């Protein structure tokens, strides 16, 4: 249970930090970042595998780089669902997904979350 809360907090900080770094992504407050982490986690668990399954040939042809587009789409959908979380373009969504992944990975390494 503590591990799940730590992952949730790390992802919230990553989303909030990405919004601070990128001008194309805005988030109202940290509470919205916490809700965004929950919605993004649910979308990654439900929608992302479906998108990856149907786009498998593109993922194979691009040696996995198409997965970055899928991550951007999932982040963009998350911003469309939540009030107070806005992404102003698909390029910002893709770059935001990359930065969120990097920050989450870095914080998970610091806190020893596996």
N, C-alpha and C. Protein backbone atom coordinates (compact mmCIF):
# COMPACT_ATOMS: atom_id res chain seq x y z
N UNK A 1 0.82 -1.19 0.00
CA UNK A 1 0.00 0.00 0.00
C UNK A 1 0.87 1.26 0.00
N UNK A 2 1.93 1.25 0.79
CA UNK A 2 2.85 2.39 0.84
C UNK A 2 3.53 2.57 -0.51
N UNK A 3 3.88 1.46 -1.16
CA UNK A 3 4.52 1.51 -2.47
C UNK A 3 3.61 2.18 -3.49
N UNK A 4 2.33 1.84 -3.47
CA UNK A 4 1.37 2.44 -4.39
C UNK A 4 1.25 3.94 -4.15
N UNK A 5 1.22 4.35 -2.90
CA UNK A 5 1.14 5.77 -2.57
C UNK A 5 2.40 6.51 -3.01
N UNK A 6 3.56 5.88 -2.86
CA UNK A 6 4.81 6.50 -3.31
C UNK A 6 4.83 6.67 -4.83
N UNK A 7 4.38 5.65 -5.54
CA UNK A 7 4.32 5.73 -7.00
C UNK A 7 3.37 6.85 -7.42
N UNK A 8 2.24 6.93 -6.74
CA UNK A 8 1.25 7.97 -7.02
C UNK A 8 1.86 9.35 -6.79
N UNK A 9 2.57 9.51 -5.68
CA UNK A 9 3.20 10.80 -5.37
C UNK A 9 4.30 11.14 -6.37
N UNK A 10 5.11 10.16 -6.73
CA UNK A 10 6.19 10.38 -7.70
C UNK A 10 5.61 10.82 -9.04
N UNK A 11 4.56 10.15 -9.50
CA UNK A 11 3.95 10.53 -10.77
C UNK A 11 3.30 11.91 -10.69
N UNK A 12 2.73 12.24 -9.55
CA UNK A 12 2.14 13.58 -9.37
C UNK A 12 3.21 14.66 -9.46
N UNK A 13 4.33 14.42 -8.80
CA UNK A 13 5.44 15.38 -8.84
C UNK A 13 5.98 15.48 -10.27
N UNK A 14 6.06 14.36 -10.98
CA UNK A 14 6.55 14.38 -12.35
C UNK A 14 5.62 15.18 -13.26
N UNK A 15 4.32 15.01 -13.09
CA UNK A 15 3.37 15.77 -13.91
C UNK A 15 3.44 17.26 -13.58
N UNK A 16 3.50 17.58 -12.29
CA UNK A 16 3.58 18.97 -11.87
C UNK A 16 4.89 19.61 -12.35
N UNK A 17 5.99 18.87 -12.25
CA UNK A 17 7.29 19.37 -12.71
C UNK A 17 7.34 19.58 -14.21
N UNK A 18 6.71 18.68 -14.95
CA UNK A 18 6.66 18.82 -16.41
C UNK A 18 5.87 20.05 -16.80
N UNK A 19 4.77 20.31 -16.09
CA UNK A 19 3.99 21.52 -16.36
C UNK A 19 4.80 22.78 -16.07
N UNK A 20 5.68 22.71 -15.09
CA UNK A 20 6.53 23.86 -14.77
C UNK A 20 7.62 24.05 -15.83
N UNK A 21 8.07 22.96 -16.44
CA UNK A 21 9.15 23.04 -17.43
C UNK A 21 8.68 23.41 -18.83
N UNK A 22 7.54 22.89 -19.24
CA UNK A 22 7.06 23.09 -20.61
C UNK A 22 6.00 24.18 -20.66
N UNK A 23 6.17 25.15 -21.55
CA UNK A 23 5.15 26.19 -21.66
C UNK A 23 3.85 25.69 -22.30
N UNK A 24 3.88 24.57 -22.99
CA UNK A 24 2.70 24.03 -23.66
C UNK A 24 1.80 23.22 -22.75
N UNK A 25 2.22 22.99 -21.52
CA UNK A 25 1.43 22.21 -20.56
C UNK A 25 1.18 23.07 -19.33
N UNK A 26 -0.08 23.19 -18.97
CA UNK A 26 -0.43 23.94 -17.76
C UNK A 26 -1.27 23.06 -16.85
N UNK A 27 -1.07 23.26 -15.56
CA UNK A 27 -1.84 22.52 -14.57
C UNK A 27 -2.19 23.51 -13.46
N UNK A 28 -3.43 23.42 -12.98
CA UNK A 28 -3.93 24.42 -12.03
C UNK A 28 -3.19 24.39 -10.70
N UNK A 29 -3.08 23.22 -10.08
CA UNK A 29 -2.43 23.11 -8.77
C UNK A 29 -1.98 21.67 -8.55
N UNK A 30 -1.38 21.41 -7.39
CA UNK A 30 -0.86 20.07 -7.14
C UNK A 30 -1.99 19.05 -6.96
N UNK A 31 -3.14 19.48 -6.49
CA UNK A 31 -4.28 18.57 -6.38
C UNK A 31 -4.70 18.06 -7.75
N UNK A 32 -4.66 18.94 -8.74
CA UNK A 32 -4.96 18.51 -10.11
C UNK A 32 -3.90 17.54 -10.61
N UNK A 33 -2.65 17.75 -10.21
CA UNK A 33 -1.57 16.83 -10.59
C UNK A 33 -1.80 15.46 -9.97
N UNK A 34 -2.31 15.42 -8.75
CA UNK A 34 -2.61 14.14 -8.10
C UNK A 34 -3.73 13.42 -8.85
N UNK A 35 -4.77 14.16 -9.21
CA UNK A 35 -5.86 13.56 -9.98
C UNK A 35 -5.38 13.11 -11.37
N UNK A 36 -4.49 13.91 -11.97
CA UNK A 36 -3.94 13.55 -13.28
C UNK A 36 -3.13 12.27 -13.20
N UNK A 37 -2.41 12.07 -12.09
CA UNK A 37 -1.63 10.84 -11.92
C UNK A 37 -2.55 9.63 -11.84
N UNK A 38 -3.69 9.78 -11.18
CA UNK A 38 -4.65 8.67 -11.09
C UNK A 38 -5.24 8.37 -12.47
N UNK A 39 -5.70 9.41 -13.16
CA UNK A 39 -6.31 9.21 -14.48
C UNK A 39 -5.28 8.66 -15.46
N UNK A 40 -4.07 9.18 -15.43
CA UNK A 40 -3.02 8.70 -16.33
C UNK A 40 -2.68 7.24 -16.04
N UNK A 41 -2.65 6.88 -14.77
CA UNK A 41 -2.40 5.48 -14.40
C UNK A 41 -3.49 4.56 -14.91
N UNK A 42 -4.74 4.99 -14.79
CA UNK A 42 -5.85 4.17 -15.29
C UNK A 42 -5.82 4.06 -16.81
N UNK A 43 -5.54 5.17 -17.48
CA UNK A 43 -5.45 5.13 -18.95
C UNK A 43 -4.29 4.26 -19.41
N UNK A 44 -3.17 4.32 -18.70
CA UNK A 44 -2.03 3.47 -19.04
C UNK A 44 -2.33 1.99 -18.82
N UNK A 45 -3.19 1.70 -17.85
CA UNK A 45 -3.54 0.30 -17.56
C UNK A 45 -4.59 -0.24 -18.52
N UNK A 46 -5.48 0.62 -19.00
CA UNK A 46 -6.61 0.15 -19.81
C UNK A 46 -6.44 0.47 -21.29
N UNK A 47 -6.19 1.74 -21.61
CA UNK A 47 -6.18 2.17 -23.00
C UNK A 47 -4.87 1.91 -23.72
N UNK A 48 -3.76 2.12 -23.04
CA UNK A 48 -2.45 1.99 -23.68
C UNK A 48 -2.19 0.59 -24.26
N UNK A 49 -2.53 -0.50 -23.55
CA UNK A 49 -2.33 -1.82 -24.16
C UNK A 49 -3.17 -2.04 -25.42
N UNK A 50 -4.36 -1.49 -25.44
CA UNK A 50 -5.22 -1.62 -26.63
C UNK A 50 -4.60 -0.86 -27.80
N UNK A 51 -4.15 0.36 -27.55
CA UNK A 51 -3.51 1.14 -28.61
C UNK A 51 -2.22 0.46 -29.09
N UNK A 52 -1.46 -0.09 -28.16
CA UNK A 52 -0.22 -0.77 -28.54
C UNK A 52 -0.50 -2.03 -29.36
N UNK A 53 -1.57 -2.74 -29.02
CA UNK A 53 -1.92 -3.95 -29.76
C UNK A 53 -2.27 -3.62 -31.20
N UNK A 54 -3.10 -2.61 -31.39
CA UNK A 54 -3.54 -2.28 -32.74
C UNK A 54 -2.48 -1.55 -33.56
N UNK A 55 -1.50 -0.97 -32.91
CA UNK A 55 -0.44 -0.29 -33.65
C UNK A 55 0.86 -1.08 -33.65
N UNK A 56 0.79 -2.35 -33.33
CA UNK A 56 2.00 -3.17 -33.26
C UNK A 56 2.85 -3.13 -34.53
N UNK A 57 2.25 -3.19 -35.73
CA UNK A 57 3.10 -3.11 -36.93
C UNK A 57 3.90 -1.81 -37.01
N UNK A 58 3.29 -0.69 -36.61
CA UNK A 58 4.01 0.59 -36.62
C UNK A 58 5.12 0.61 -35.57
N UNK A 59 4.84 0.02 -34.42
CA UNK A 59 5.86 -0.06 -33.37
C UNK A 59 7.03 -0.90 -33.86
N UNK A 60 6.73 -1.99 -34.53
CA UNK A 60 7.78 -2.86 -35.06
C UNK A 60 8.59 -2.16 -36.15
N UNK A 61 7.92 -1.47 -37.05
CA UNK A 61 8.61 -0.79 -38.15
C UNK A 61 9.48 0.37 -37.69
N UNK A 62 9.07 1.03 -36.62
CA UNK A 62 9.83 2.18 -36.13
C UNK A 62 10.76 1.81 -34.97
N UNK A 63 10.93 0.52 -34.74
CA UNK A 63 11.81 0.03 -33.68
C UNK A 63 11.40 0.58 -32.31
N UNK A 64 10.10 0.71 -32.08
CA UNK A 64 9.57 1.13 -30.79
C UNK A 64 9.33 2.61 -30.63
N UNK A 65 9.76 3.42 -31.59
CA UNK A 65 9.59 4.86 -31.46
C UNK A 65 8.12 5.28 -31.55
N UNK A 66 7.28 4.47 -32.17
CA UNK A 66 5.85 4.78 -32.24
C UNK A 66 5.22 4.75 -30.85
N UNK A 67 5.86 4.07 -29.93
CA UNK A 67 5.37 4.04 -28.54
C UNK A 67 5.37 5.43 -27.92
N UNK A 68 6.29 6.28 -28.36
CA UNK A 68 6.31 7.65 -27.87
C UNK A 68 5.04 8.39 -28.28
N UNK A 69 4.57 8.12 -29.49
CA UNK A 69 3.32 8.73 -29.95
C UNK A 69 2.13 8.22 -29.13
N UNK A 70 2.14 6.94 -28.82
CA UNK A 70 1.06 6.37 -28.00
C UNK A 70 1.06 7.01 -26.62
N UNK A 71 2.24 7.19 -26.03
CA UNK A 71 2.33 7.86 -24.73
C UNK A 71 1.80 9.28 -24.80
N UNK A 72 2.11 9.98 -25.89
CA UNK A 72 1.61 11.33 -26.07
C UNK A 72 0.10 11.37 -26.21
N UNK A 73 -0.46 10.42 -26.94
CA UNK A 73 -1.92 10.34 -27.11
C UNK A 73 -2.59 10.09 -25.77
N UNK A 74 -2.04 9.18 -24.99
CA UNK A 74 -2.63 8.86 -23.68
C UNK A 74 -2.56 10.08 -22.76
N UNK A 75 -1.45 10.81 -22.78
CA UNK A 75 -1.34 12.02 -21.96
C UNK A 75 -2.32 13.08 -22.43
N UNK A 76 -2.49 13.21 -23.74
CA UNK A 76 -3.42 14.20 -24.29
C UNK A 76 -4.86 13.86 -23.91
N UNK A 77 -5.20 12.59 -23.93
CA UNK A 77 -6.54 12.17 -23.51
C UNK A 77 -6.73 12.47 -22.03
N UNK A 78 -5.71 12.24 -21.22
CA UNK A 78 -5.79 12.55 -19.79
C UNK A 78 -6.07 14.03 -19.58
N UNK A 79 -5.39 14.88 -20.34
CA UNK A 79 -5.62 16.32 -20.22
C UNK A 79 -7.02 16.70 -20.69
N UNK A 80 -7.54 15.97 -21.67
CA UNK A 80 -8.90 16.24 -22.13
C UNK A 80 -9.96 15.85 -21.12
N UNK A 81 -9.67 14.86 -20.31
CA UNK A 81 -10.63 14.39 -19.30
C UNK A 81 -10.67 15.33 -18.10
N UNK A 82 -9.50 15.80 -17.67
CA UNK A 82 -9.42 16.58 -16.43
C UNK A 82 -9.59 18.07 -16.67
N UNK A 83 -10.30 18.70 -15.78
CA UNK A 83 -10.42 20.14 -15.76
C UNK A 83 -9.22 20.71 -15.01
N UNK A 84 -8.55 21.69 -15.58
CA UNK A 84 -7.39 22.28 -14.92
C UNK A 84 -6.07 21.72 -15.41
N UNK A 85 -6.11 20.79 -16.34
CA UNK A 85 -4.91 20.20 -16.94
C UNK A 85 -5.04 20.40 -18.44
N UNK A 86 -4.15 21.21 -19.02
CA UNK A 86 -4.28 21.58 -20.42
C UNK A 86 -2.98 21.35 -21.17
N UNK A 87 -3.10 20.79 -22.36
CA UNK A 87 -1.96 20.60 -23.25
C UNK A 87 -2.30 21.31 -24.55
N UNK A 88 -1.43 22.21 -25.00
CA UNK A 88 -1.71 23.05 -26.15
C UNK A 88 -1.11 22.54 -27.46
N UNK A 89 -1.17 21.27 -27.69
CA UNK A 89 -0.66 20.74 -28.96
C UNK A 89 -0.12 19.33 -28.79
N UNK A 90 -0.12 18.61 -29.90
CA UNK A 90 0.31 17.22 -29.84
C UNK A 90 1.82 17.12 -29.58
N UNK A 91 2.58 18.07 -30.09
CA UNK A 91 4.02 18.07 -29.83
C UNK A 91 4.33 18.25 -28.35
N UNK A 92 3.56 19.11 -27.71
CA UNK A 92 3.72 19.29 -26.26
C UNK A 92 3.34 18.03 -25.51
N UNK A 93 2.34 17.31 -26.02
CA UNK A 93 1.91 16.06 -25.38
C UNK A 93 3.01 15.01 -25.47
N UNK A 94 3.63 14.89 -26.63
CA UNK A 94 4.70 13.90 -26.80
C UNK A 94 5.91 14.26 -25.94
N UNK A 95 6.32 15.53 -26.01
CA UNK A 95 7.46 15.97 -25.21
C UNK A 95 7.15 15.86 -23.72
N UNK A 96 5.93 16.19 -23.33
CA UNK A 96 5.52 16.06 -21.95
C UNK A 96 5.55 14.63 -21.46
N UNK A 97 5.11 13.70 -22.31
CA UNK A 97 5.15 12.28 -21.94
C UNK A 97 6.58 11.80 -21.73
N UNK A 98 7.48 12.28 -22.57
CA UNK A 98 8.89 11.90 -22.42
C UNK A 98 9.46 12.46 -21.12
N UNK A 99 9.17 13.72 -20.83
CA UNK A 99 9.70 14.35 -19.62
C UNK A 99 9.10 13.73 -18.37
N UNK A 100 7.79 13.44 -18.40
CA UNK A 100 7.15 12.78 -17.26
C UNK A 100 7.80 11.43 -17.00
N UNK A 101 8.07 10.68 -18.05
CA UNK A 101 8.72 9.38 -17.89
C UNK A 101 10.11 9.52 -17.29
N UNK A 102 10.86 10.51 -17.75
CA UNK A 102 12.23 10.71 -17.24
C UNK A 102 12.22 11.13 -15.77
N UNK A 103 11.34 12.07 -15.42
CA UNK A 103 11.27 12.51 -14.03
C UNK A 103 10.80 11.38 -13.13
N UNK A 104 9.80 10.63 -13.58
CA UNK A 104 9.30 9.50 -12.78
C UNK A 104 10.39 8.45 -12.58
N UNK A 105 11.12 8.16 -13.64
CA UNK A 105 12.20 7.18 -13.54
C UNK A 105 13.26 7.66 -12.54
N UNK A 106 13.65 8.93 -12.66
CA UNK A 106 14.68 9.48 -11.79
C UNK A 106 14.24 9.46 -10.32
N UNK A 107 13.02 9.91 -10.06
CA UNK A 107 12.53 9.91 -8.67
C UNK A 107 12.36 8.50 -8.13
N UNK A 108 11.95 7.57 -8.97
CA UNK A 108 11.81 6.18 -8.54
C UNK A 108 13.18 5.59 -8.19
N UNK A 109 14.21 5.98 -8.92
CA UNK A 109 15.55 5.52 -8.61
C UNK A 109 16.03 6.10 -7.28
N UNK A 110 15.73 7.36 -7.04
CA UNK A 110 16.15 8.01 -5.79
C UNK A 110 15.47 7.35 -4.59
N UNK A 111 14.16 7.11 -4.69
CA UNK A 111 13.41 6.56 -3.57
C UNK A 111 13.43 5.03 -3.53
N UNK A 112 14.08 4.39 -4.49
CA UNK A 112 14.20 2.94 -4.48
C UNK A 112 12.90 2.21 -4.77
N UNK A 113 12.04 2.80 -5.60
CA UNK A 113 10.77 2.18 -5.95
C UNK A 113 11.00 1.29 -7.16
N UNK A 114 10.59 0.04 -7.05
CA UNK A 114 10.77 -0.91 -8.16
C UNK A 114 9.45 -1.20 -8.81
